[in-house]
Amino acid sequence: MKKFTFLAILAFIGFAFTASAQIQKGNVLMGGDIGNLSLGLNSPSTFTADITPKAAWFIKDNVALGAYGRFGISTEKGTGSDVRYGIGALGRYYTGSDVEVLKHGRIFGEANVGLGGQNLRGPGGSTNGLELGFGPGFAYFITPSIGLETLLKYNGVVGFGSSAYQHSLTLNFGFQIYLPGQSTLNKVKRDVK
């Protein structure tokens, strides 16, 4: 019973935090984005989607560093598939509360660098090598620990293959969970006593 009471108080205090509490030093971001999502209904039918899981640690307030993976596919019946992939490091910077767009929203910038590639069917060819990306985003916190995001991002791959450079502009939608770090948990424990 004592453990349940402690967990209930911990959950209540967690919900009492504002959006800014989730982007403090020591906290963790986990989630992902979906981009380029389309389902063609005409003949020939097509399907396109990119999935990008992410994890990052806030090294200081409003600044997170972490890693991402990316897998994307575009397929059209009878013609094969385009495949996109990548893995690397990412960084995020959230604006301060002085530029809040909505009460529970924050604007952020995201940049990434890693290894990736695009293998395209047809004359587009393939490129495998250094992957770069950057762009602005907006996170809206539906709860103190869960954020819905949209991110407009430029992605480029420079390297080897039949094409030395490929790039695109994508609009991604994401779901992130902001977990408290050990320092936040210790503060909550001290506040409960």
N, C-alpha and C. Protein backbone atom coordinates (compact mmCIF):
# COMPACT_ATOMS: atom_id res chain seq x y z
N MET A 1 0.83 -1.19 0.00
CA MET A 1 0.00 0.00 0.00
C MET A 1 0.87 1.26 0.00
N LYS A 2 1.96 1.23 0.78
CA LYS A 2 2.84 2.38 0.85
C LYS A 2 3.47 2.66 -0.52
N LYS A 3 3.84 1.59 -1.22
CA LYS A 3 4.45 1.75 -2.55
C LYS A 3 3.43 2.32 -3.53
N PHE A 4 2.18 1.85 -3.46
CA PHE A 4 1.13 2.36 -4.33
C PHE A 4 0.89 3.85 -4.07
N THR A 5 0.86 4.24 -2.81
CA THR A 5 0.67 5.65 -2.46
C THR A 5 1.80 6.50 -3.01
N PHE A 6 3.04 6.01 -2.86
CA PHE A 6 4.19 6.74 -3.39
C PHE A 6 4.08 6.90 -4.90
N LEU A 7 3.72 5.82 -5.60
CA LEU A 7 3.58 5.89 -7.05
C LEU A 7 2.45 6.83 -7.47
N ALA A 8 1.35 6.83 -6.72
CA ALA A 8 0.24 7.73 -7.03
C ALA A 8 0.65 9.19 -6.84
N ILE A 9 1.38 9.47 -5.77
CA ILE A 9 1.86 10.84 -5.54
C ILE A 9 2.86 11.23 -6.62
N LEU A 10 3.74 10.30 -6.98
CA LEU A 10 4.72 10.55 -8.03
C LEU A 10 4.01 10.86 -9.36
N ALA A 11 2.98 10.11 -9.69
CA ALA A 11 2.22 10.36 -10.92
C ALA A 11 1.51 11.71 -10.88
N PHE A 12 0.92 12.04 -9.74
CA PHE A 12 0.24 13.33 -9.61
C PHE A 12 1.21 14.49 -9.78
N ILE A 13 2.37 14.40 -9.14
CA ILE A 13 3.38 15.46 -9.26
C ILE A 13 3.89 15.52 -10.69
N GLY A 14 4.06 14.37 -11.32
CA GLY A 14 4.49 14.34 -12.71
C GLY A 14 3.52 15.07 -13.62
N PHE A 15 2.21 14.89 -13.39
CA PHE A 15 1.22 15.58 -14.21
C PHE A 15 1.14 17.07 -13.89
N ALA A 16 1.63 17.45 -12.73
CA ALA A 16 1.60 18.86 -12.35
C ALA A 16 2.69 19.67 -13.05
N PHE A 17 3.72 19.00 -13.59
CA PHE A 17 4.78 19.71 -14.29
C PHE A 17 4.23 20.39 -15.53
N THR A 18 4.82 21.50 -15.91
CA THR A 18 4.46 22.16 -17.17
C THR A 18 5.28 21.54 -18.29
N ALA A 19 5.03 21.99 -19.53
CA ALA A 19 5.77 21.46 -20.67
C ALA A 19 7.26 21.70 -20.53
N SER A 20 7.65 22.83 -19.95
CA SER A 20 9.07 23.13 -19.84
C SER A 20 9.79 22.17 -18.92
N ALA A 21 9.09 21.55 -17.98
CA ALA A 21 9.74 20.62 -17.07
C ALA A 21 10.24 19.39 -17.82
N GLN A 22 9.64 19.07 -18.92
CA GLN A 22 10.02 17.87 -19.65
C GLN A 22 11.26 18.06 -20.51
N ILE A 23 11.68 19.29 -20.71
CA ILE A 23 12.87 19.55 -21.53
C ILE A 23 14.00 20.11 -20.67
N GLN A 24 14.06 19.60 -19.43
CA GLN A 24 15.12 20.00 -18.51
C GLN A 24 16.28 19.01 -18.55
N LYS A 25 17.43 19.49 -18.12
CA LYS A 25 18.64 18.68 -18.07
C LYS A 25 18.38 17.36 -17.34
N GLY A 26 18.87 16.27 -17.93
CA GLY A 26 18.75 14.95 -17.32
C GLY A 26 17.56 14.14 -17.79
N ASN A 27 16.56 14.77 -18.39
CA ASN A 27 15.38 14.04 -18.86
C ASN A 27 15.68 13.33 -20.18
N VAL A 28 14.81 12.41 -20.57
CA VAL A 28 15.02 11.58 -21.74
C VAL A 28 13.82 11.71 -22.69
N LEU A 29 14.10 11.78 -23.98
CA LEU A 29 13.08 11.82 -25.02
C LEU A 29 13.12 10.50 -25.78
N MET A 30 11.97 9.87 -25.96
CA MET A 30 11.89 8.64 -26.75
C MET A 30 10.63 8.70 -27.60
N GLY A 31 10.74 8.26 -28.83
CA GLY A 31 9.58 8.27 -29.71
C GLY A 31 9.98 8.09 -31.16
N GLY A 32 9.23 8.74 -32.04
CA GLY A 32 9.53 8.61 -33.45
C GLY A 32 8.65 9.48 -34.31
N ASP A 33 8.99 9.50 -35.59
CA ASP A 33 8.27 10.29 -36.59
C ASP A 33 7.81 9.38 -37.72
N ILE A 34 6.72 9.79 -38.35
CA ILE A 34 6.26 9.17 -39.59
C ILE A 34 6.22 10.27 -40.63
N GLY A 35 6.84 10.03 -41.77
CA GLY A 35 6.87 11.02 -42.84
C GLY A 35 6.59 10.40 -44.18
N ASN A 36 6.30 11.23 -45.16
CA ASN A 36 6.04 10.78 -46.54
C ASN A 36 4.95 9.74 -46.62
N LEU A 37 3.97 9.79 -45.74
CA LEU A 37 2.93 8.77 -45.70
C LEU A 37 1.91 9.03 -46.79
N SER A 38 1.75 8.07 -47.68
CA SER A 38 0.72 8.19 -48.72
C SER A 38 0.29 6.80 -49.17
N LEU A 39 -0.95 6.72 -49.55
CA LEU A 39 -1.53 5.48 -50.06
C LEU A 39 -2.33 5.86 -51.30
N GLY A 40 -1.80 5.46 -52.46
CA GLY A 40 -2.46 5.77 -53.72
C GLY A 40 -3.65 4.85 -53.95
N LEU A 41 -4.78 5.42 -54.34
CA LEU A 41 -5.98 4.62 -54.57
C LEU A 41 -6.22 4.35 -56.05
N ASN A 42 -5.53 5.07 -56.91
CA ASN A 42 -5.67 4.84 -58.35
C ASN A 42 -4.80 3.68 -58.78
N SER A 43 -5.01 3.21 -59.99
CA SER A 43 -4.20 2.13 -60.53
C SER A 43 -3.01 2.73 -61.27
N PRO A 44 -1.79 2.30 -61.09
CA PRO A 44 -1.36 1.27 -60.15
C PRO A 44 -1.28 1.83 -58.73
N SER A 45 -1.63 1.01 -57.77
CA SER A 45 -1.66 1.46 -56.38
C SER A 45 -0.23 1.62 -55.85
N THR A 46 -0.04 2.65 -55.02
CA THR A 46 1.27 2.93 -54.44
C THR A 46 1.16 3.07 -52.93
N PHE A 47 2.27 2.84 -52.27
CA PHE A 47 2.35 3.04 -50.83
C PHE A 47 3.72 3.63 -50.51
N THR A 48 3.75 4.67 -49.68
CA THR A 48 5.00 5.32 -49.28
C THR A 48 4.94 5.64 -47.80
N ALA A 49 6.03 5.37 -47.07
CA ALA A 49 6.12 5.73 -45.65
C ALA A 49 7.57 5.72 -45.20
N ASP A 50 7.92 6.64 -44.31
CA ASP A 50 9.21 6.68 -43.63
C ASP A 50 8.95 6.63 -42.13
N ILE A 51 9.68 5.80 -41.42
CA ILE A 51 9.56 5.68 -39.97
C ILE A 51 10.93 5.99 -39.37
N THR A 52 10.95 6.89 -38.38
CA THR A 52 12.21 7.32 -37.76
C THR A 52 12.11 7.26 -36.24
N PRO A 53 12.54 6.16 -35.62
CA PRO A 53 12.58 6.12 -34.16
C PRO A 53 13.74 6.98 -33.63
N LYS A 54 13.53 7.61 -32.45
CA LYS A 54 14.52 8.51 -31.88
C LYS A 54 14.62 8.30 -30.37
N ALA A 55 15.81 8.57 -29.84
CA ALA A 55 16.02 8.62 -28.40
C ALA A 55 17.07 9.69 -28.14
N ALA A 56 16.83 10.54 -27.14
CA ALA A 56 17.78 11.62 -26.85
C ALA A 56 17.77 11.91 -25.35
N TRP A 57 18.87 12.46 -24.89
CA TRP A 57 19.05 12.82 -23.50
C TRP A 57 19.30 14.33 -23.43
N PHE A 58 18.62 15.01 -22.53
CA PHE A 58 18.78 16.45 -22.39
C PHE A 58 20.07 16.74 -21.61
N ILE A 59 21.08 17.25 -22.30
CA ILE A 59 22.37 17.53 -21.68
C ILE A 59 22.33 18.83 -20.90
N LYS A 60 21.40 19.70 -21.24
CA LYS A 60 21.10 20.90 -20.46
C LYS A 60 19.68 21.31 -20.82
N ASP A 61 19.13 22.26 -20.08
CA ASP A 61 17.76 22.69 -20.37
C ASP A 61 17.62 23.09 -21.83
N ASN A 62 16.60 22.57 -22.50
CA ASN A 62 16.25 22.88 -23.89
C ASN A 62 17.17 22.27 -24.94
N VAL A 63 18.21 21.53 -24.57
CA VAL A 63 19.16 20.96 -25.53
C VAL A 63 19.25 19.45 -25.33
N ALA A 64 18.94 18.70 -26.39
CA ALA A 64 18.98 17.23 -26.32
C ALA A 64 19.91 16.69 -27.41
N LEU A 65 20.66 15.65 -27.06
CA LEU A 65 21.50 14.93 -28.01
C LEU A 65 21.13 13.45 -27.94
N GLY A 66 21.13 12.79 -29.10
CA GLY A 66 20.75 11.39 -29.10
C GLY A 66 21.02 10.71 -30.42
N ALA A 67 20.23 9.70 -30.70
CA ALA A 67 20.42 8.88 -31.89
C ALA A 67 19.08 8.64 -32.58
N TYR A 68 19.15 8.29 -33.84
CA TYR A 68 17.95 7.98 -34.62
C TYR A 68 18.25 6.83 -35.57
N GLY A 69 17.23 6.20 -36.03
CA GLY A 69 17.29 5.23 -37.10
C GLY A 69 16.19 5.60 -38.08
N ARG A 70 16.35 5.27 -39.33
CA ARG A 70 15.33 5.64 -40.32
C ARG A 70 15.18 4.51 -41.32
N PHE A 71 13.94 4.20 -41.64
CA PHE A 71 13.64 3.24 -42.69
C PHE A 71 12.44 3.75 -43.47
N GLY A 72 12.57 3.78 -44.77
CA GLY A 72 11.47 4.22 -45.61
C GLY A 72 11.33 3.33 -46.83
N ILE A 73 10.12 3.24 -47.32
CA ILE A 73 9.86 2.44 -48.51
C ILE A 73 8.79 3.11 -49.36
N SER A 74 8.97 3.03 -50.65
CA SER A 74 7.96 3.46 -51.62
C SER A 74 7.78 2.29 -52.58
N THR A 75 6.58 1.83 -52.71
CA THR A 75 6.34 0.69 -53.58
C THR A 75 5.16 0.96 -54.49
N GLU A 76 5.28 0.48 -55.70
CA GLU A 76 4.21 0.59 -56.69
C GLU A 76 4.05 -0.78 -57.33
N LYS A 77 2.83 -1.21 -57.40
CA LYS A 77 2.54 -2.57 -57.88
C LYS A 77 3.16 -2.80 -59.25
N GLY A 78 3.98 -3.85 -59.32
CA GLY A 78 4.57 -4.26 -60.58
C GLY A 78 5.86 -3.55 -60.97
N THR A 79 6.32 -2.58 -60.20
CA THR A 79 7.54 -1.86 -60.60
C THR A 79 8.66 -1.93 -59.58
N GLY A 80 8.45 -2.56 -58.46
CA GLY A 80 9.51 -2.64 -57.45
C GLY A 80 9.37 -1.58 -56.38
N SER A 81 10.44 -1.41 -55.60
CA SER A 81 10.38 -0.51 -54.45
C SER A 81 11.60 0.39 -54.37
N ASP A 82 11.39 1.58 -53.82
CA ASP A 82 12.48 2.47 -53.42
C ASP A 82 12.68 2.25 -51.92
N VAL A 83 13.92 2.22 -51.49
CA VAL A 83 14.23 2.00 -50.09
C VAL A 83 15.13 3.13 -49.59
N ARG A 84 14.80 3.66 -48.41
CA ARG A 84 15.61 4.70 -47.76
C ARG A 84 15.95 4.21 -46.36
N TYR A 85 17.17 4.46 -45.92
CA TYR A 85 17.60 4.01 -44.60
C TYR A 85 18.68 4.92 -44.06
N GLY A 86 18.85 4.89 -42.75
CA GLY A 86 19.89 5.69 -42.13
C GLY A 86 19.97 5.45 -40.64
N ILE A 87 21.12 5.77 -40.08
CA ILE A 87 21.35 5.68 -38.64
C ILE A 87 22.39 6.74 -38.29
N GLY A 88 22.21 7.39 -37.14
CA GLY A 88 23.18 8.41 -36.78
C GLY A 88 22.82 9.18 -35.53
N ALA A 89 23.45 10.34 -35.38
CA ALA A 89 23.26 11.20 -34.20
C ALA A 89 22.33 12.35 -34.54
N LEU A 90 21.59 12.81 -33.52
CA LEU A 90 20.71 13.96 -33.72
C LEU A 90 20.86 14.92 -32.56
N GLY A 91 20.51 16.16 -32.82
CA GLY A 91 20.51 17.19 -31.79
C GLY A 91 19.25 18.02 -31.92
N ARG A 92 18.74 18.48 -30.79
CA ARG A 92 17.55 19.33 -30.76
C ARG A 92 17.79 20.51 -29.84
N TYR A 93 17.22 21.65 -30.25
CA TYR A 93 17.22 22.84 -29.41
C TYR A 93 15.79 23.36 -29.34
N TYR A 94 15.22 23.45 -28.14
CA TYR A 94 13.88 23.97 -27.93
C TYR A 94 13.98 25.44 -27.56
N THR A 95 13.09 26.26 -28.13
CA THR A 95 13.07 27.67 -27.79
C THR A 95 12.61 27.84 -26.34
N GLY A 96 12.95 28.96 -25.77
CA GLY A 96 12.55 29.25 -24.40
C GLY A 96 11.08 29.57 -24.30
N SER A 97 10.57 29.66 -23.08
CA SER A 97 9.15 29.91 -22.87
C SER A 97 8.74 31.30 -23.34
N ASP A 98 9.71 32.19 -23.57
CA ASP A 98 9.38 33.53 -24.04
C ASP A 98 8.85 33.54 -25.47
N VAL A 99 9.04 32.44 -26.21
CA VAL A 99 8.50 32.37 -27.58
C VAL A 99 7.50 31.22 -27.72
N GLU A 100 6.79 30.89 -26.65
CA GLU A 100 5.75 29.86 -26.73
C GLU A 100 4.68 30.29 -27.71
N VAL A 101 4.32 29.40 -28.62
CA VAL A 101 3.26 29.67 -29.58
C VAL A 101 1.90 29.41 -28.92
N LEU A 102 1.80 28.30 -28.23
CA LEU A 102 0.62 27.94 -27.46
C LEU A 102 1.07 27.67 -26.03
N LYS A 103 0.12 27.63 -25.12
CA LYS A 103 0.47 27.43 -23.71
C LYS A 103 1.29 26.17 -23.48
N HIS A 104 0.98 25.10 -24.19
CA HIS A 104 1.68 23.83 -23.99
C HIS A 104 2.50 23.43 -25.21
N GLY A 105 2.95 24.39 -25.99
CA GLY A 105 3.71 24.08 -27.19
C GLY A 105 5.07 24.76 -27.20
N ARG A 106 6.00 24.15 -27.91
CA ARG A 106 7.34 24.71 -28.07
C ARG A 106 7.82 24.51 -29.50
N ILE A 107 8.50 25.52 -30.00
CA ILE A 107 9.17 25.42 -31.29
C ILE A 107 10.56 24.84 -31.02
N PHE A 108 11.05 23.98 -31.94
CA PHE A 108 12.39 23.42 -31.79
C PHE A 108 13.05 23.32 -33.15
N GLY A 109 14.35 23.19 -33.13
CA GLY A 109 15.13 22.90 -34.33
C GLY A 109 15.79 21.56 -34.15
N GLU A 110 15.85 20.78 -35.22
CA GLU A 110 16.48 19.47 -35.16
C GLU A 110 17.47 19.33 -36.29
N ALA A 111 18.62 18.75 -36.00
CA ALA A 111 19.63 18.46 -37.01
C ALA A 111 20.16 17.05 -36.78
N ASN A 112 20.55 16.39 -37.85
CA ASN A 112 21.10 15.04 -37.72
C ASN A 112 22.24 14.84 -38.72
N VAL A 113 23.12 13.92 -38.38
CA VAL A 113 24.21 13.51 -39.26
C VAL A 113 24.45 12.02 -39.00
N GLY A 114 24.69 11.27 -40.08
CA GLY A 114 24.89 9.84 -39.92
C GLY A 114 25.20 9.17 -41.24
N LEU A 115 25.04 7.87 -41.26
CA LEU A 115 25.22 7.08 -42.47
C LEU A 115 23.86 6.69 -43.00
N GLY A 116 23.68 6.80 -44.30
CA GLY A 116 22.38 6.47 -44.86
C GLY A 116 22.46 6.25 -46.35
N GLY A 117 21.31 6.00 -46.90
CA GLY A 117 21.27 5.78 -48.34
C GLY A 117 19.86 5.78 -48.89
N GLN A 118 19.80 5.93 -50.20
CA GLN A 118 18.55 5.85 -50.93
C GLN A 118 18.80 4.98 -52.16
N ASN A 119 18.11 3.88 -52.24
CA ASN A 119 18.22 2.99 -53.39
C ASN A 119 16.91 3.07 -54.15
N LEU A 120 16.95 3.72 -55.30
CA LEU A 120 15.75 4.01 -56.07
C LEU A 120 15.66 3.11 -57.29
N ARG A 121 14.44 2.73 -57.62
CA ARG A 121 14.22 1.98 -58.85
C ARG A 121 14.26 2.97 -60.01
N GLY A 122 14.53 2.50 -61.17
CA GLY A 122 14.50 3.38 -62.34
C GLY A 122 15.75 4.21 -62.48
N PRO A 123 15.66 5.32 -63.22
CA PRO A 123 16.84 6.11 -63.56
C PRO A 123 17.43 6.90 -62.39
N GLY A 124 16.73 7.01 -61.26
CA GLY A 124 17.23 7.78 -60.12
C GLY A 124 18.47 7.19 -59.51
N GLY A 125 18.65 5.88 -59.62
CA GLY A 125 19.82 5.21 -59.09
C GLY A 125 19.86 5.15 -57.59
N SER A 126 21.09 5.03 -57.07
CA SER A 126 21.25 4.91 -55.63
C SER A 126 22.37 5.81 -55.14
N THR A 127 22.27 6.20 -53.88
CA THR A 127 23.30 6.97 -53.21
C THR A 127 23.43 6.42 -51.80
N ASN A 128 24.64 6.11 -51.39
CA ASN A 128 24.92 5.62 -50.05
C ASN A 128 26.11 6.39 -49.51
N GLY A 129 25.99 6.91 -48.29
CA GLY A 129 27.10 7.67 -47.73
C GLY A 129 26.68 8.50 -46.54
N LEU A 130 27.11 9.77 -46.52
CA LEU A 130 26.85 10.69 -45.43
C LEU A 130 25.44 11.26 -45.56
N GLU A 131 24.67 11.14 -44.47
CA GLU A 131 23.30 11.64 -44.46
C GLU A 131 23.24 12.86 -43.54
N LEU A 132 22.63 13.94 -44.03
CA LEU A 132 22.48 15.18 -43.27
C LEU A 132 21.02 15.60 -43.29
N GLY A 133 20.58 16.22 -42.21
CA GLY A 133 19.20 16.72 -42.17
C GLY A 133 19.08 17.84 -41.16
N PHE A 134 18.16 18.77 -41.42
CA PHE A 134 17.90 19.85 -40.48
C PHE A 134 16.55 20.46 -40.79
N GLY A 135 15.94 21.06 -39.76
CA GLY A 135 14.68 21.73 -39.97
C GLY A 135 13.99 22.14 -38.68
N PRO A 136 12.97 22.99 -38.81
CA PRO A 136 12.21 23.44 -37.65
C PRO A 136 11.05 22.50 -37.35
N GLY A 137 10.63 22.51 -36.09
CA GLY A 137 9.50 21.68 -35.69
C GLY A 137 8.69 22.36 -34.60
N PHE A 138 7.56 21.76 -34.30
CA PHE A 138 6.70 22.25 -33.24
C PHE A 138 6.20 21.06 -32.43
N ALA A 139 6.37 21.13 -31.10
CA ALA A 139 5.91 20.08 -30.19
C ALA A 139 4.76 20.63 -29.37
N TYR A 140 3.64 19.91 -29.36
CA TYR A 140 2.49 20.27 -28.52
C TYR A 140 2.32 19.18 -27.48
N PHE A 141 2.39 19.56 -26.21
CA PHE A 141 2.33 18.59 -25.12
C PHE A 141 0.88 18.33 -24.74
N ILE A 142 0.36 17.15 -25.13
CA ILE A 142 -1.02 16.79 -24.80
C ILE A 142 -1.13 16.39 -23.33
N THR A 143 -0.04 15.92 -22.76
CA THR A 143 0.09 15.71 -21.31
C THR A 143 1.48 16.24 -20.98
N PRO A 144 1.82 16.35 -19.72
CA PRO A 144 3.17 16.83 -19.40
C PRO A 144 4.29 15.92 -19.90
N SER A 145 3.98 14.66 -20.21
CA SER A 145 5.02 13.73 -20.63
C SER A 145 4.90 13.26 -22.08
N ILE A 146 3.87 13.68 -22.79
CA ILE A 146 3.66 13.21 -24.16
C ILE A 146 3.51 14.40 -25.08
N GLY A 147 4.30 14.40 -26.15
CA GLY A 147 4.24 15.48 -27.11
C GLY A 147 3.90 14.98 -28.50
N LEU A 148 3.01 15.69 -29.17
CA LEU A 148 2.74 15.46 -30.58
C LEU A 148 3.53 16.50 -31.36
N GLU A 149 4.19 16.07 -32.43
CA GLU A 149 5.09 16.95 -33.14
C GLU A 149 4.85 16.98 -34.64
N THR A 150 5.23 18.08 -35.23
CA THR A 150 5.34 18.17 -36.67
C THR A 150 6.71 18.77 -36.97
N LEU A 151 7.35 18.29 -38.02
CA LEU A 151 8.73 18.67 -38.32
C LEU A 151 8.89 18.78 -39.83
N LEU A 152 9.27 19.96 -40.30
CA LEU A 152 9.59 20.19 -41.71
C LEU A 152 11.09 20.05 -41.83
N LYS A 153 11.54 19.04 -42.61
CA LYS A 153 12.96 18.71 -42.58
C LYS A 153 13.53 18.54 -43.98
N TYR A 154 14.71 19.13 -44.16
CA TYR A 154 15.51 18.91 -45.37
C TYR A 154 16.42 17.73 -45.10
N ASN A 155 16.43 16.75 -46.01
CA ASN A 155 17.28 15.56 -45.88
C ASN A 155 18.14 15.43 -47.13
N GLY A 156 19.41 15.16 -46.94
CA GLY A 156 20.31 14.96 -48.07
C GLY A 156 21.25 13.80 -47.82
N VAL A 157 21.63 13.11 -48.88
CA VAL A 157 22.61 12.03 -48.81
C VAL A 157 23.69 12.32 -49.84
N VAL A 158 24.95 12.37 -49.39
CA VAL A 158 26.10 12.61 -50.25
C VAL A 158 26.98 11.39 -50.16
N GLY A 159 27.38 10.84 -51.32
CA GLY A 159 28.24 9.67 -51.23
C GLY A 159 28.48 8.99 -52.55
N PHE A 160 28.35 7.69 -52.50
CA PHE A 160 28.71 6.84 -53.62
C PHE A 160 27.47 6.22 -54.23
N GLY A 161 27.60 5.74 -55.41
CA GLY A 161 26.50 5.10 -56.11
C GLY A 161 26.34 5.73 -57.47
N SER A 162 25.23 5.44 -58.13
CA SER A 162 25.00 5.98 -59.46
C SER A 162 24.64 7.47 -59.42
N SER A 163 24.31 7.99 -58.25
CA SER A 163 24.03 9.41 -58.08
C SER A 163 24.82 9.89 -56.86
N ALA A 164 25.60 10.97 -57.02
CA ALA A 164 26.46 11.43 -55.93
C ALA A 164 25.68 12.18 -54.85
N TYR A 165 24.49 12.69 -55.16
CA TYR A 165 23.75 13.49 -54.19
C TYR A 165 22.26 13.35 -54.43
N GLN A 166 21.52 13.07 -53.36
CA GLN A 166 20.06 13.04 -53.42
C GLN A 166 19.53 13.80 -52.22
N HIS A 167 18.42 14.53 -52.42
CA HIS A 167 17.88 15.31 -51.32
C HIS A 167 16.37 15.41 -51.44
N SER A 168 15.73 15.76 -50.31
CA SER A 168 14.28 15.89 -50.29
C SER A 168 13.86 16.78 -49.12
N LEU A 169 12.66 17.27 -49.20
CA LEU A 169 12.05 18.05 -48.14
C LEU A 169 10.82 17.27 -47.68
N THR A 170 10.75 16.95 -46.38
CA THR A 170 9.66 16.13 -45.88
C THR A 170 8.93 16.83 -44.74
N LEU A 171 7.66 16.51 -44.60
CA LEU A 171 6.85 16.94 -43.48
C LEU A 171 6.56 15.70 -42.65
N ASN A 172 7.09 15.67 -41.44
CA ASN A 172 6.97 14.50 -40.57
C ASN A 172 6.04 14.81 -39.40
N PHE A 173 5.34 13.79 -38.93
CA PHE A 173 4.50 13.88 -37.75
C PHE A 173 5.01 12.87 -36.74
N GLY A 174 5.14 13.29 -35.48
CA GLY A 174 5.76 12.43 -34.50
C GLY A 174 5.01 12.37 -33.18
N PHE A 175 5.44 11.42 -32.38
CA PHE A 175 4.91 11.16 -31.05
C PHE A 175 6.11 10.92 -30.16
N GLN A 176 6.31 11.77 -29.16
CA GLN A 176 7.47 11.64 -28.28
C GLN A 176 7.00 11.50 -26.84
N ILE A 177 7.73 10.71 -26.08
CA ILE A 177 7.51 10.57 -24.64
C ILE A 177 8.71 11.18 -23.94
N TYR A 178 8.45 12.07 -23.00
CA TYR A 178 9.50 12.74 -22.25
C TYR A 178 9.53 12.15 -20.85
N LEU A 179 10.59 11.40 -20.57
CA LEU A 179 10.72 10.71 -19.29
C LEU A 179 11.60 11.50 -18.35
N PRO A 180 11.24 11.56 -17.07
CA PRO A 180 12.08 12.30 -16.12
C PRO A 180 13.40 11.58 -15.88
N GLY A 181 14.46 12.34 -15.78
CA GLY A 181 15.77 11.79 -15.45
C GLY A 181 15.90 11.58 -13.96
N GLN A 182 17.04 11.07 -13.55
CA GLN A 182 17.26 10.76 -12.14
C GLN A 182 17.18 12.01 -11.27
N SER A 183 17.68 13.15 -11.75
CA SER A 183 17.63 14.37 -10.94
C SER A 183 16.19 14.82 -10.71
N THR A 184 15.33 14.67 -11.72
CA THR A 184 13.92 15.03 -11.55
C THR A 184 13.24 14.07 -10.58
N LEU A 185 13.54 12.78 -10.69
CA LEU A 185 12.96 11.80 -9.77
C LEU A 185 13.41 12.07 -8.32
N ASN A 186 14.68 12.41 -8.15
CA ASN A 186 15.17 12.72 -6.81
C ASN A 186 14.45 13.94 -6.24
N LYS A 187 14.21 14.96 -7.08
CA LYS A 187 13.49 16.16 -6.62
C LYS A 187 12.07 15.80 -6.20
N VAL A 188 11.40 14.95 -6.98
CA VAL A 188 10.04 14.54 -6.64
C VAL A 188 10.04 13.77 -5.32
N LYS A 189 11.01 12.90 -5.12
CA LYS A 189 11.10 12.14 -3.86
C LYS A 189 11.29 13.08 -2.68
N ARG A 190 12.15 14.10 -2.84
CA ARG A 190 12.36 15.08 -1.77
C ARG A 190 11.09 15.87 -1.50
N ASP A 191 10.34 16.22 -2.55
CA ASP A 191 9.12 16.98 -2.38
C ASP A 191 8.02 16.18 -1.69
N VAL A 192 8.02 14.84 -1.91
CA VAL A 192 7.00 13.98 -1.33
C VAL A 192 7.20 13.84 0.18
N LYS A 193 8.45 13.86 0.64
CA LYS A 193 8.75 13.64 2.07
C LYS A 193 8.28 14.74 2.93
